[in-house]
Amino acid sequence: MKNGPVFKPPSGYVILVSGGGKGVKDLMEKHTIIRVKQEGHSNRSVAKILGIERKTVAKYWNEFNRMSLENSF
């Protein structure tokens, strides 16, 4: 069987593995998404780095931004 290229995340990152592909469940995983986004990476880039769905990145990034906005007043 021929395998594609092996993706190795940049130093300091880990591939996130969530149970059954049901999305991010652990607070540390959410924190990692937010941290990588704050470094300026796109949703697509974060998803590739962490081995998760792009929609999952968007979901938690948007949640973080909503909470930040609510807490700024």
C-alpha atoms as a PDB file:
ATOM      1  CA  MET A   1       0.000   0.000   0.000  1.00  0.00           C
ATOM      2  CA  LYS A   2       1.327   3.419  -0.943  1.00  0.00           C
ATOM      3  CA  ASN A   3       1.115   6.053   1.785  1.00  0.00           C
ATOM      4  CA  GLY A   4       1.092   9.801   1.289  1.00  0.00           C
ATOM      5  CA  PRO A   5       3.665  12.105   2.859  1.00  0.00           C
ATOM      6  CA  VAL A   6       3.857  12.064   6.627  1.00  0.00           C
ATOM      7  CA  PHE A   7       2.930  15.427   8.102  1.00  0.00           C
ATOM      8  CA  LYS A   8       5.167  16.541  10.936  1.00  0.00           C
ATOM      9  CA  PRO A   9       3.888  19.540  12.884  1.00  0.00           C
ATOM     10  CA  PRO A  10       6.272  22.421  13.571  1.00  0.00           C
ATOM     11  CA  SER A  11       8.282  22.184  16.757  1.00  0.00           C
ATOM     12  CA  GLY A  12       6.224  22.898  19.857  1.00  0.00           C
ATOM     13  CA  TYR A  13       2.933  21.639  18.386  1.00  0.00           C
ATOM     14  CA  VAL A  14       1.217  18.315  18.785  1.00  0.00           C
ATOM     15  CA  ILE A  15      -1.395  16.565  16.690  1.00  0.00           C
ATOM     16  CA  LEU A  16      -4.696  16.573  18.572  1.00  0.00           C
ATOM     17  CA  VAL A  17      -6.651  13.349  18.660  1.00  0.00           C
ATOM     18  CA  SER A  18     -10.231  13.712  19.781  1.00  0.00           C
ATOM     19  CA  GLY A  19     -12.483  10.762  20.492  1.00  0.00           C
ATOM     20  CA  GLY A  20     -14.097   9.427  17.341  1.00  0.00           C
ATOM     21  CA  GLY A  21     -13.677  12.624  15.356  1.00  0.00           C
ATOM     22  CA  LYS A  22     -16.455  14.224  17.397  1.00  0.00           C
ATOM     23  CA  GLY A  23     -14.584  17.487  17.816  1.00  0.00           C
ATOM     24  CA  VAL A  24     -12.443  19.052  20.468  1.00  0.00           C
ATOM     25  CA  LYS A  25     -13.432  18.001  23.982  1.00  0.00           C
ATOM     26  CA  ASP A  26     -10.568  18.955  26.188  1.00  0.00           C
ATOM     27  CA  LEU A  27      -9.957  22.495  27.434  1.00  0.00           C
ATOM     28  CA  MET A  28      -6.244  22.191  26.630  1.00  0.00           C
ATOM     29  CA  GLU A  29      -7.105  21.398  23.014  1.00  0.00           C
ATOM     30  CA  LYS A  30      -9.237  24.555  22.812  1.00  0.00           C
ATOM     31  CA  HIS A  31      -6.373  26.506  24.342  1.00  0.00           C
ATOM     32  CA  THR A  32      -3.989  25.130  21.721  1.00  0.00           C
ATOM     33  CA  ILE A  33      -6.307  26.186  18.878  1.00  0.00           C
ATOM     34  CA  ILE A  34      -6.581  29.710  20.284  1.00  0.00           C
ATOM     35  CA  ARG A  35      -2.830  29.995  20.869  1.00  0.00           C
ATOM     36  CA  VAL A  36      -1.969  28.935  17.319  1.00  0.00           C
ATOM     37  CA  LYS A  37      -4.630  31.284  15.873  1.00  0.00           C
ATOM     38  CA  GLN A  38      -3.206  34.169  17.915  1.00  0.00           C
ATOM     39  CA  GLU A  39       0.157  33.500  16.281  1.00  0.00           C
ATOM     40  CA  GLY A  40      -1.485  34.508  12.996  1.00  0.00           C
ATOM     41  CA  HIS A  41      -2.226  31.142  11.383  1.00  0.00           C
ATOM     42  CA  SER A  42      -5.315  30.679   9.211  1.00  0.00           C
ATOM     43  CA  ASN A  43      -8.057  28.229  10.200  1.00  0.00           C
ATOM     44  CA  ARG A  44      -6.881  25.891   7.459  1.00  0.00           C
ATOM     45  CA  SER A  45      -3.294  26.077   8.679  1.00  0.00           C
ATOM     46  CA  VAL A  46      -4.291  25.459  12.317  1.00  0.00           C
ATOM     47  CA  ALA A  47      -6.401  22.471  11.279  1.00  0.00           C
ATOM     48  CA  LYS A  48      -3.503  20.983   9.342  1.00  0.00           C
ATOM     49  CA  ILE A  49      -0.980  21.620  12.128  1.00  0.00           C
ATOM     50  CA  LEU A  50      -3.194  20.078  14.803  1.00  0.00           C
ATOM     51  CA  GLY A  51      -4.807  17.342  12.725  1.00  0.00           C
ATOM     52  CA  ILE A  52      -8.394  18.489  13.252  1.00  0.00           C
ATOM     53  CA  GLU A  53     -11.243  19.769  11.081  1.00  0.00           C
ATOM     54  CA  ARG A  54     -11.182  23.360   9.841  1.00  0.00           C
ATOM     55  CA  LYS A  55     -14.765  23.836  11.031  1.00  0.00           C
ATOM     56  CA  THR A  56     -13.682  22.840  14.546  1.00  0.00           C
ATOM     57  CA  VAL A  57     -11.020  25.538  14.481  1.00  0.00           C
ATOM     58  CA  ALA A  58     -13.578  28.114  13.321  1.00  0.00           C
ATOM     59  CA  LYS A  59     -16.071  27.048  15.994  1.00  0.00           C
ATOM     60  CA  TYR A  60     -13.682  27.509  18.899  1.00  0.00           C
ATOM     61  CA  TRP A  61     -12.012  30.627  17.487  1.00  0.00           C
ATOM     62  CA  ASN A  62     -15.429  32.274  17.055  1.00  0.00           C
ATOM     63  CA  GLU A  63     -16.448  31.193  20.566  1.00  0.00           C
ATOM     64  CA  PHE A  64     -13.244  32.708  21.955  1.00  0.00           C
ATOM     65  CA  ASN A  65     -13.839  35.989  20.104  1.00  0.00           C
ATOM     66  CA  ARG A  66     -17.458  36.197  21.316  1.00  0.00           C
ATOM     67  CA  MET A  67     -16.355  35.633  24.914  1.00  0.00           C
ATOM     68  CA  SER A  68     -13.571  38.207  24.564  1.00  0.00           C
ATOM     69  CA  LEU A  69     -16.016  40.773  23.199  1.00  0.00           C
ATOM     70  CA  GLU A  70     -18.534  40.135  25.982  1.00  0.00           C
ATOM     71  CA  ASN A  71     -15.845  40.500  28.638  1.00  0.00           C
ATOM     72  CA  SER A  72     -14.486  43.737  27.188  1.00  0.00           C
ATOM     73  CA  PHE A  73     -17.480  45.788  28.323  1.00  0.00           C
END
